[in-house]
Protein backbone atom coordinates (compact mmCIF):
# COMPACT_ATOMS: atom_id res chain seq x y z
CA UNK A 1 -0.15 -0.05 0.05
CA UNK A 2 1.33 3.43 -1.03
CA UNK A 3 1.73 6.71 0.86
CA UNK A 4 -1.40 8.77 1.03
CA UNK A 5 -0.12 12.34 0.42
CA UNK A 6 -0.85 15.17 2.71
CA UNK A 7 -2.06 12.83 5.37
CA UNK A 8 -1.46 14.53 8.68
CA UNK A 9 -0.78 11.55 10.66
CA UNK A 10 2.04 10.34 8.24
CA UNK A 11 3.40 13.95 7.94
CA UNK A 12 3.60 14.15 11.73
CA UNK A 13 5.14 10.85 12.04
CA UNK A 14 7.89 11.79 9.49
CA UNK A 15 8.53 15.15 11.32
CA UNK A 16 9.09 13.17 14.62
CA UNK A 17 12.24 11.75 13.10
CA UNK A 18 13.62 15.27 13.06
CA UNK A 19 12.45 15.45 16.75
CA UNK A 20 14.40 12.23 17.48
CA UNK A 21 17.80 12.77 15.75
CA UNK A 22 18.03 16.55 16.18
CA UNK A 23 19.19 15.71 19.78
CA UNK A 24 22.33 14.57 18.22
CA UNK A 25 23.00 17.69 16.31
CA UNK A 26 22.01 19.96 19.29
CA UNK A 27 23.83 18.17 22.16
CA UNK A 28 26.68 16.10 20.60
CA UNK A 29 27.53 18.18 17.43
CA UNK A 30 26.81 21.64 18.83
CA UNK A 31 26.02 22.46 22.37
CA UNK A 32 27.66 19.83 25.00
CA UNK A 33 30.29 17.61 23.46
CA UNK A 34 32.47 20.21 21.40
CA UNK A 35 33.14 22.33 24.56
CA UNK A 36 33.46 19.22 26.68
CA UNK A 37 36.12 18.08 24.23
CA UNK A 38 37.89 21.50 24.02
CA UNK A 39 38.00 21.88 27.85
CA UNK A 40 39.27 18.38 28.51
CA UNK A 41 41.68 17.35 25.65
CA UNK A 42 45.30 18.22 25.58
CA UNK A 43 46.32 21.40 23.74
CA UNK A 44 48.29 19.49 21.22
CA UNK A 45 47.85 16.04 19.99
CA UNK A 46 50.50 14.01 18.33
CA UNK A 47 49.58 12.72 14.86
CA UNK A 48 52.02 11.02 12.52
CA UNK A 49 54.98 12.54 14.26
CA UNK A 50 53.43 16.03 14.41
CA UNK A 51 51.71 17.94 17.13
CA UNK A 52 48.46 19.23 15.96
CA UNK A 53 45.98 21.53 17.91
CA UNK A 54 43.33 19.63 19.32
CA UNK A 55 40.60 21.80 18.04
CA UNK A 56 41.95 21.34 14.49
CA UNK A 57 42.01 17.37 15.17
CA UNK A 58 38.37 17.80 16.24
CA UNK A 59 37.54 19.67 12.93
CA UNK A 60 39.39 16.93 10.87
CA UNK A 61 37.59 14.22 12.71
CA UNK A 62 34.09 15.81 11.32
CA UNK A 63 35.81 16.04 7.95
CA UNK A 64 36.61 12.33 7.88
CA UNK A 65 33.30 11.30 9.15
CA UNK A 66 31.53 13.28 6.24
CA UNK A 67 34.03 11.68 3.65
CA UNK A 68 32.88 8.24 4.84
CA UNK A 69 29.18 9.25 4.65
CA UNK A 70 29.70 10.83 1.26
CA UNK A 71 31.35 7.51 -0.08
CA UNK A 72 28.60 5.31 1.37
CA UNK A 73 25.40 7.18 0.49
CA UNK A 74 25.20 6.28 -3.15
CA UNK A 75 25.82 2.56 -2.46
CA UNK A 76 23.23 2.42 0.33
CA UNK A 77 20.69 4.56 -1.53
CA UNK A 78 21.18 2.09 -4.56
CA UNK A 79 20.35 -0.92 -2.01
CA UNK A 80 17.39 1.12 -0.58
CA UNK A 81 15.87 1.87 -4.18
CA UNK A 82 16.27 -1.56 -5.74
CA UNK A 83 15.60 -3.72 -2.69
CA UNK A 84 12.89 -1.62 -1.11
CA UNK A 85 14.76 -1.43 2.27
CA UNK A 86 14.54 2.34 2.72
CA UNK A 87 13.19 2.20 6.47
CA UNK A 88 15.42 -0.80 7.13
CA UNK A 89 18.42 1.56 6.65
CA UNK A 90 16.80 4.21 8.67
CA UNK A 91 16.63 1.93 11.42
CA UNK A 92 20.15 0.65 10.94
CA UNK A 93 21.73 4.14 11.13
CA UNK A 94 19.44 5.21 13.84
CA UNK A 95 20.74 2.40 15.99
CA UNK A 96 24.39 3.06 15.06
CA UNK A 97 24.13 6.66 16.00
CA UNK A 98 22.19 6.08 19.21
CA UNK A 99 24.63 3.39 20.50
CA UNK A 100 27.57 5.51 19.69
CA UNK A 101 26.19 8.48 21.73
CA UNK A 102 25.93 6.25 24.75
CA UNK A 103 29.55 5.06 24.08
CA UNK A 104 30.80 8.54 24.62
CA UNK A 105 30.19 8.15 28.17
CA UNK A 106 32.76 5.73 28.80
CA UNK A 107 35.83 7.51 27.20
CA UNK A 108 37.84 10.46 28.35
CA UNK A 109 39.49 13.15 26.02
CA UNK A 110 42.54 13.34 28.20
CA UNK A 111 43.30 9.56 27.96
CA UNK A 112 41.23 7.99 25.13
CA UNK A 113 41.12 10.71 22.77
CA UNK A 114 41.15 8.74 19.49
CA UNK A 115 38.56 6.21 20.78
CA UNK A 116 36.37 8.99 21.82
CA UNK A 117 36.67 10.62 18.42
CA UNK A 118 36.03 7.35 16.73
CA UNK A 119 32.46 7.06 18.54
CA UNK A 120 31.92 10.64 17.57
CA UNK A 121 32.64 9.79 14.03
CA UNK A 122 30.25 6.65 14.24
CA UNK A 123 27.62 9.02 15.74
CA UNK A 124 28.09 11.37 12.97
CA UNK A 125 27.72 8.57 10.34
CA UNK A 126 24.66 7.32 12.01
CA UNK A 127 23.13 10.74 11.86
CA UNK A 128 24.36 11.70 8.34
CA UNK A 129 23.67 8.23 6.90
CA UNK A 130 19.94 8.24 7.79
CA UNK A 131 19.23 11.73 6.46
CA UNK A 132 19.06 10.81 2.81
CA UNK A 133 16.57 8.00 3.46
CA UNK A 134 14.51 10.44 5.76
CA UNK A 135 14.66 13.39 3.14
CA UNK A 136 13.55 11.13 0.32
CA UNK A 137 10.07 10.56 1.89
CA UNK A 138 9.34 14.46 1.48
CA UNK A 139 7.96 14.48 -1.97
CA UNK A 140 6.19 11.19 -1.47
CA UNK A 141 4.30 12.36 1.67
CA UNK A 142 3.08 15.67 0.41
CA UNK A 143 2.10 17.35 -2.87
CA UNK A 144 4.57 20.21 -4.16
CA UNK A 145 2.56 23.18 -2.89
CA UNK A 146 3.21 21.61 0.73
CA UNK A 147 6.93 21.05 0.34
CA UNK A 148 7.82 24.41 2.06
CA UNK A 149 5.46 24.08 5.06
CA UNK A 150 6.17 20.26 5.51
CA UNK A 151 9.88 20.78 5.36
CA UNK A 152 9.69 23.63 7.87
CA UNK A 153 7.54 21.40 10.18
CA UNK A 154 10.26 18.78 10.15
CA UNK A 155 12.95 21.37 11.10
CA UNK A 156 10.67 22.83 13.55
CA UNK A 157 9.91 19.70 15.35
CA UNK A 158 13.65 19.05 15.61
CA UNK A 159 14.53 22.46 16.99
CA UNK A 160 11.72 22.33 19.58
CA UNK A 161 11.79 18.83 20.65
CA UNK A 162 15.62 18.58 21.09
CA UNK A 163 15.41 21.66 23.35
CA UNK A 164 13.52 19.64 26.03
CA UNK A 165 16.43 17.15 26.26
CA UNK A 166 18.94 20.03 26.18
CA UNK A 167 17.00 21.63 29.15
CA UNK A 168 17.24 18.51 31.25
CA UNK A 169 20.93 18.35 30.77
CA UNK A 170 21.19 21.91 31.58
CA UNK A 171 19.53 21.39 34.79
CA UNK A 172 21.75 18.32 35.52
CA UNK A 173 24.81 20.56 34.89
CA UNK A 174 23.37 23.56 36.93
CA UNK A 175 22.12 21.46 39.92
CA UNK A 176 24.95 18.60 39.78
CA UNK A 177 25.88 19.30 43.40
CA UNK A 178 22.32 18.73 44.60
CA UNK A 179 22.25 15.65 42.47
CA UNK A 180 25.48 14.49 44.26
CA UNK A 181 27.42 14.20 40.81
CA UNK A 182 30.23 16.26 39.30
CA UNK A 183 29.66 18.62 36.44
CA UNK A 184 31.65 16.33 34.07
CA UNK A 185 29.49 13.26 35.00
CA UNK A 186 26.33 15.24 34.38
CA UNK A 187 27.64 16.29 30.84
CA UNK A 188 28.54 12.70 30.29
CA UNK A 189 25.09 11.50 31.36
CA UNK A 190 23.71 13.80 28.76
CA UNK A 191 25.44 11.49 25.93
CA UNK A 192 23.46 8.70 27.29
CA UNK A 193 20.24 10.57 27.34
CA UNK A 194 20.85 11.60 23.74
CA UNK A 195 21.09 8.07 22.52
CA UNK A 196 18.13 6.95 24.45
CA UNK A 197 15.99 9.99 23.21
CA UNK A 198 16.98 9.17 19.51
CA UNK A 199 16.28 5.57 19.87
CA UNK A 200 12.83 5.91 21.62
CA UNK A 201 11.30 8.75 19.55
CA UNK A 202 12.23 7.43 16.15
CA UNK A 203 9.95 4.49 16.75
CA UNK A 204 6.98 6.89 15.98
CA UNK A 205 8.39 7.44 12.72
CA UNK A 206 8.95 3.74 11.92
CA UNK A 207 5.43 3.03 13.09
CA UNK A 208 3.66 5.46 10.89
CA UNK A 209 5.64 5.24 7.64
CA UNK A 210 4.71 2.14 5.41
CA UNK A 211 6.75 -0.95 5.74
CA UNK A 212 9.52 -1.64 3.11
CA UNK A 213 8.67 -3.80 0.09
CA UNK A 214 11.56 -6.00 -0.05
CA UNK A 215 13.11 -8.02 -2.87
CA UNK A 216 15.93 -10.47 -2.70
CA UNK A 217 19.24 -8.91 -2.33
CA UNK A 218 21.78 -8.84 -5.21
CA UNK A 219 25.33 -7.68 -5.24
CA UNK A 220 24.40 -5.51 -8.41
CA UNK A 221 22.43 -3.25 -6.06
CA UNK A 222 25.72 -2.00 -4.72
CA UNK A 223 26.63 -0.53 -8.13
CA UNK A 224 23.25 0.63 -8.82
CA UNK A 225 23.34 3.32 -6.25
CA UNK A 226 26.36 4.79 -8.01
CA UNK A 227 24.87 4.58 -11.32
CA UNK A 228 21.61 6.24 -10.19
CA UNK A 229 23.71 9.19 -8.62
CA UNK A 230 25.52 9.42 -12.11
CA UNK A 231 22.25 9.52 -13.94
CA UNK A 232 20.96 12.27 -11.45
CA UNK A 233 24.30 14.20 -12.06
CA UNK A 234 23.83 13.90 -15.85
CA UNK A 235 20.20 15.02 -15.48
CA UNK A 236 21.36 17.99 -13.39
CA UNK A 237 24.01 19.09 -15.66
CA UNK A 238 21.38 19.26 -18.46
CA UNK A 239 19.47 21.73 -16.60
CA UNK A 240 21.49 24.99 -16.16
CA UNK A 241 19.34 26.48 -13.31
CA UNK A 242 19.66 23.38 -11.22
CA UNK A 243 23.52 23.46 -11.74
CA UNK A 244 23.49 27.01 -10.69
CA UNK A 245 21.41 26.47 -7.54
CA UNK A 246 23.32 23.35 -6.51
CA UNK A 247 26.66 25.22 -6.80
CA UNK A 248 25.40 27.99 -4.70
CA UNK A 249 24.00 25.43 -2.15
CA UNK A 250 27.47 23.65 -1.99
CA UNK A 251 29.12 26.80 -0.97
CA UNK A 252 26.76 28.35 1.38
CA UNK A 253 25.85 25.15 3.18
CA UNK A 254 29.48 24.50 3.77
CA UNK A 255 29.80 27.80 5.65
CA UNK A 256 26.39 27.20 7.61
CA UNK A 257 27.49 23.55 8.67
CA UNK A 258 30.84 24.83 9.88
CA UNK A 259 29.48 27.60 12.01
CA UNK A 260 26.89 25.20 13.58
CA UNK A 261 29.45 22.45 14.19
CA UNK A 262 32.18 24.67 15.67
CA UNK A 263 30.58 27.71 17.11
CA UNK A 264 30.60 26.39 20.61
CA UNK A 265 34.36 25.65 20.31
CA UNK A 266 34.90 29.21 19.20
CA UNK A 267 32.95 30.58 22.08
CA UNK A 268 34.65 28.39 24.56
CA UNK A 269 38.21 29.03 23.52
CA UNK A 270 37.93 32.71 22.15
CA UNK A 271 35.46 34.22 24.57
CA UNK A 272 35.56 31.95 27.63
CA UNK A 273 32.09 30.75 27.64
CA UNK A 274 31.09 28.31 30.63
CA UNK A 275 29.05 25.11 29.76
CA UNK A 276 25.87 26.71 31.26
CA UNK A 277 26.26 29.76 29.17
CA UNK A 278 26.76 27.80 26.01
CA UNK A 279 23.67 25.76 26.67
CA UNK A 280 21.66 28.84 27.27
CA UNK A 281 22.99 30.19 24.00
CA UNK A 282 22.12 27.14 22.00
CA UNK A 283 18.61 27.18 23.51
CA UNK A 284 18.20 30.56 22.19
CA UNK A 285 19.48 29.48 18.77
CA UNK A 286 16.93 26.61 18.78
CA UNK A 287 14.01 28.87 19.41
CA UNK A 288 15.07 31.25 16.95
CA UNK A 289 15.79 28.73 14.30
CA UNK A 290 12.23 27.31 14.61
CA UNK A 291 10.91 30.83 14.26
CA UNK A 292 13.28 31.45 11.22
CA UNK A 293 12.23 28.16 9.51
CA UNK A 294 8.55 29.44 9.44
CA UNK A 295 9.38 33.04 8.89
CA UNK A 296 11.43 32.22 5.70
CA UNK A 297 8.90 29.90 4.50
CA UNK A 298 6.37 32.75 4.76
CA UNK A 299 8.92 35.19 3.03
CA UNK A 300 9.38 32.80 0.33
CA UNK A 301 5.74 32.37 -0.30
CA UNK A 302 5.57 36.10 -0.74
CA UNK A 303 8.95 36.96 -2.76
CA UNK A 304 10.13 33.35 -3.90
CA UNK A 305 12.66 30.94 -2.62
CA UNK A 306 15.54 32.55 -4.59
CA UNK A 307 15.19 36.00 -3.07
CA UNK A 308 14.55 34.66 0.30
CA UNK A 309 17.71 32.52 0.13
CA UNK A 310 19.71 35.50 -1.04
CA UNK A 311 18.48 37.60 1.94
CA UNK A 312 19.67 34.92 4.25
CA UNK A 313 23.22 34.64 2.44
CA UNK A 314 23.66 38.15 3.11
CA UNK A 315 22.89 37.86 6.79
CA UNK A 316 25.52 34.97 6.93
CA UNK A 317 28.20 37.09 5.52
CA UNK A 318 27.47 39.81 8.10
CA UNK A 319 27.56 37.13 10.82
CA UNK A 320 30.88 35.74 9.92
CA UNK A 321 32.49 39.35 9.77
CA UNK A 322 30.85 40.22 13.08
CA UNK A 323 32.06 37.21 14.75
CA UNK A 324 35.60 38.03 13.74
CA UNK A 325 35.41 41.20 15.74
CA UNK A 326 33.26 39.90 18.58
CA UNK A 327 35.19 40.33 21.82
CA UNK A 328 32.56 39.89 24.71
CA UNK A 329 29.80 37.53 25.73
CA UNK A 330 27.15 39.99 24.99
CA UNK A 331 28.13 40.82 21.63
CA UNK A 332 28.42 37.17 20.60
CA UNK A 333 24.91 36.63 21.88
CA UNK A 334 23.77 39.49 19.60
CA UNK A 335 25.47 37.69 16.68
CA UNK A 336 23.91 34.56 17.61
CA UNK A 337 20.44 35.92 17.40
CA UNK A 338 20.76 36.35 13.63
CA UNK A 339 22.56 32.95 13.31
CA UNK A 340 19.53 31.28 14.87
CA UNK A 341 17.03 33.15 12.47
CA UNK A 342 18.86 32.17 9.37
CA UNK A 343 19.95 28.75 10.32
CA UNK A 344 16.68 27.18 10.16
CA UNK A 345 15.30 29.00 7.31
CA UNK A 346 18.31 28.35 4.87
CA UNK A 347 18.30 24.70 5.44
CA UNK A 348 14.57 24.24 5.23
CA UNK A 349 14.17 26.28 2.01
CA UNK A 350 17.22 24.64 0.39
CA UNK A 351 15.54 21.27 0.81
CA UNK A 352 12.04 22.40 -0.51
CA UNK A 353 13.71 24.19 -3.44
CA UNK A 354 15.55 21.20 -4.48
CA UNK A 355 12.42 19.26 -4.20
CA UNK A 356 10.84 21.76 -6.58
CA UNK A 357 13.61 21.36 -9.20
CA UNK A 358 13.23 17.55 -9.46
CA UNK A 359 11.66 16.94 -12.94
CA UNK A 360 12.25 13.36 -13.83
CA UNK A 361 9.71 11.13 -12.40
CA UNK A 362 11.34 7.97 -13.63
CA UNK A 363 14.43 8.38 -11.45
CA UNK A 364 13.88 7.06 -7.85
CA UNK A 365 13.47 10.02 -5.33
CA UNK A 366 16.10 8.46 -2.88
CA UNK A 367 18.72 8.76 -5.78
CA UNK A 368 17.86 12.52 -6.18
CA UNK A 369 18.29 13.07 -2.40
CA UNK A 370 21.25 10.72 -2.29
CA UNK A 371 22.94 13.22 -4.86
CA UNK A 372 21.92 16.16 -2.78
CA UNK A 373 22.98 14.59 0.38
CA UNK A 374 26.47 13.79 -1.03
CA UNK A 375 26.74 17.09 -2.13
CA UNK A 376 25.95 18.36 1.39
CA UNK A 377 28.40 16.03 2.94
CA UNK A 378 31.25 17.11 0.53
CA UNK A 379 30.48 20.71 1.40
CA UNK A 380 31.00 19.90 5.08
CA UNK A 381 34.25 18.10 4.38
CA UNK A 382 35.43 21.30 2.43
CA UNK A 383 34.12 23.72 5.24
CA UNK A 384 35.49 21.83 8.24
CA UNK A 385 38.83 21.02 6.49
CA UNK A 386 39.29 24.86 5.68
CA UNK A 387 38.42 25.68 9.13
CA UNK A 388 40.91 23.20 10.76
CA UNK A 389 43.64 24.10 8.14
CA UNK A 390 43.28 28.04 8.76
CA UNK A 391 43.24 27.38 12.56
CA UNK A 392 46.33 25.34 12.44
CA UNK A 393 48.05 27.85 10.13
CA UNK A 394 47.19 30.90 12.07
CA UNK A 395 46.62 29.51 15.47
CA UNK A 396 43.62 31.68 15.66
CA UNK A 397 39.99 30.53 14.98
CA UNK A 398 38.80 34.28 14.31
CA UNK A 399 40.68 33.82 10.86
CA UNK A 400 38.91 30.51 10.39
CA UNK A 401 35.47 32.22 10.78
CA UNK A 402 36.41 35.11 8.66
CA UNK A 403 37.44 32.65 5.83
CA UNK A 404 33.94 31.37 5.81
CA UNK A 405 32.79 34.65 4.29
CA UNK A 406 34.27 33.32 0.88
CA UNK A 407 32.02 30.51 0.84
CA UNK A 408 28.82 32.61 1.34
CA UNK A 409 30.03 35.23 -1.36
CA UNK A 410 30.55 32.45 -3.90
CA UNK A 411 27.16 31.05 -2.80
CA UNK A 412 25.59 34.57 -3.42
CA UNK A 413 27.25 34.68 -6.89
CA UNK A 414 25.95 31.36 -8.17
CA UNK A 415 22.32 32.10 -6.73
CA UNK A 416 22.25 35.54 -8.38
CA UNK A 417 22.61 33.75 -11.78
CA UNK A 418 19.69 31.34 -11.19
CA UNK A 419 16.86 32.19 -13.48
CA UNK A 420 13.65 30.71 -12.08
CA UNK A 421 10.32 32.33 -10.89
CA UNK A 422 9.41 32.01 -7.26
CA UNK A 423 11.84 29.21 -6.66
């Protein structure tokens, strides 16, 4: 039985996966784990005979994780498309990611740094690997006129839902003495809670989405995923506006992801933020991101996706320049307000805009989103490597943040050349 489009129960069930897995991006990738790592890891880490700044090592670990995801995604999407096992892989990556979060509890940055980063990488793969299967449901569960609203609902569920968990962790950290535990133990218990949260709430999605229609596995499925991505690539190259949009997306999403993944380390090392301050900052960002997702969906409905995205890119350029000159907690909070507003909107509109550009119904949807997801992961690779390299070269993360303006400027240049009406 196929999916009934615009069914409220199915759409809400789909959106609950954002509610479940966004705890990883909020707590592990953004708010709690990066500053925990920065505070407890040695300043320099020996790697292949050289001493490398630990923050650069952290950035490179993200680069490594996303390289693996980019390599795996076409193969996995091929298996999902041709064997009908989309939900199965969504379950697998959920299990991998949630258990990896729990494993972070057992290793210390000071004594087991690379083991700790291994599970961080595995958790990142669990999160990133499942996204392509999740995203591919969007054009199947709703009609095109609902893409913006449903995409925004997914992100909003993620932003709002994950805040509940972060609040619990904030209370544990703030009142750790009353609970009879240390602050570090409170932080580490948060990693376990993320794994449980991810695993439990994803069951709502698995229950409401239709079961897989499986066919016997064949080794040829491994190759078909790459073949399908090549077909999508050729189809994309034949459509100039799609090429221009994806070129723009590649650069600006590289900058967006670096800011979100590494902002807490910047705040910790450059401005001396405490753990509780960082969590309060991220809570503010989450609220504003949910508002921003709906705000820019509304704006795009009035002036078109292209103009709405361009406005957001301009704001991102201003954010990077302002962050370079930021020298106080209050000024960083002000910059963060703008980050929150455009963080949710630019991701949501990018996903829905790409959905609108899909024109060939003969190619499986998972393959289109596999191509989109590979592009996203390669953008993260470029962004995090650039951030780590500039930091290692200059010894100052402010220059790394300033370098991100190049990505947004290139994104704006390509987007300006896109010639499509209200997309």
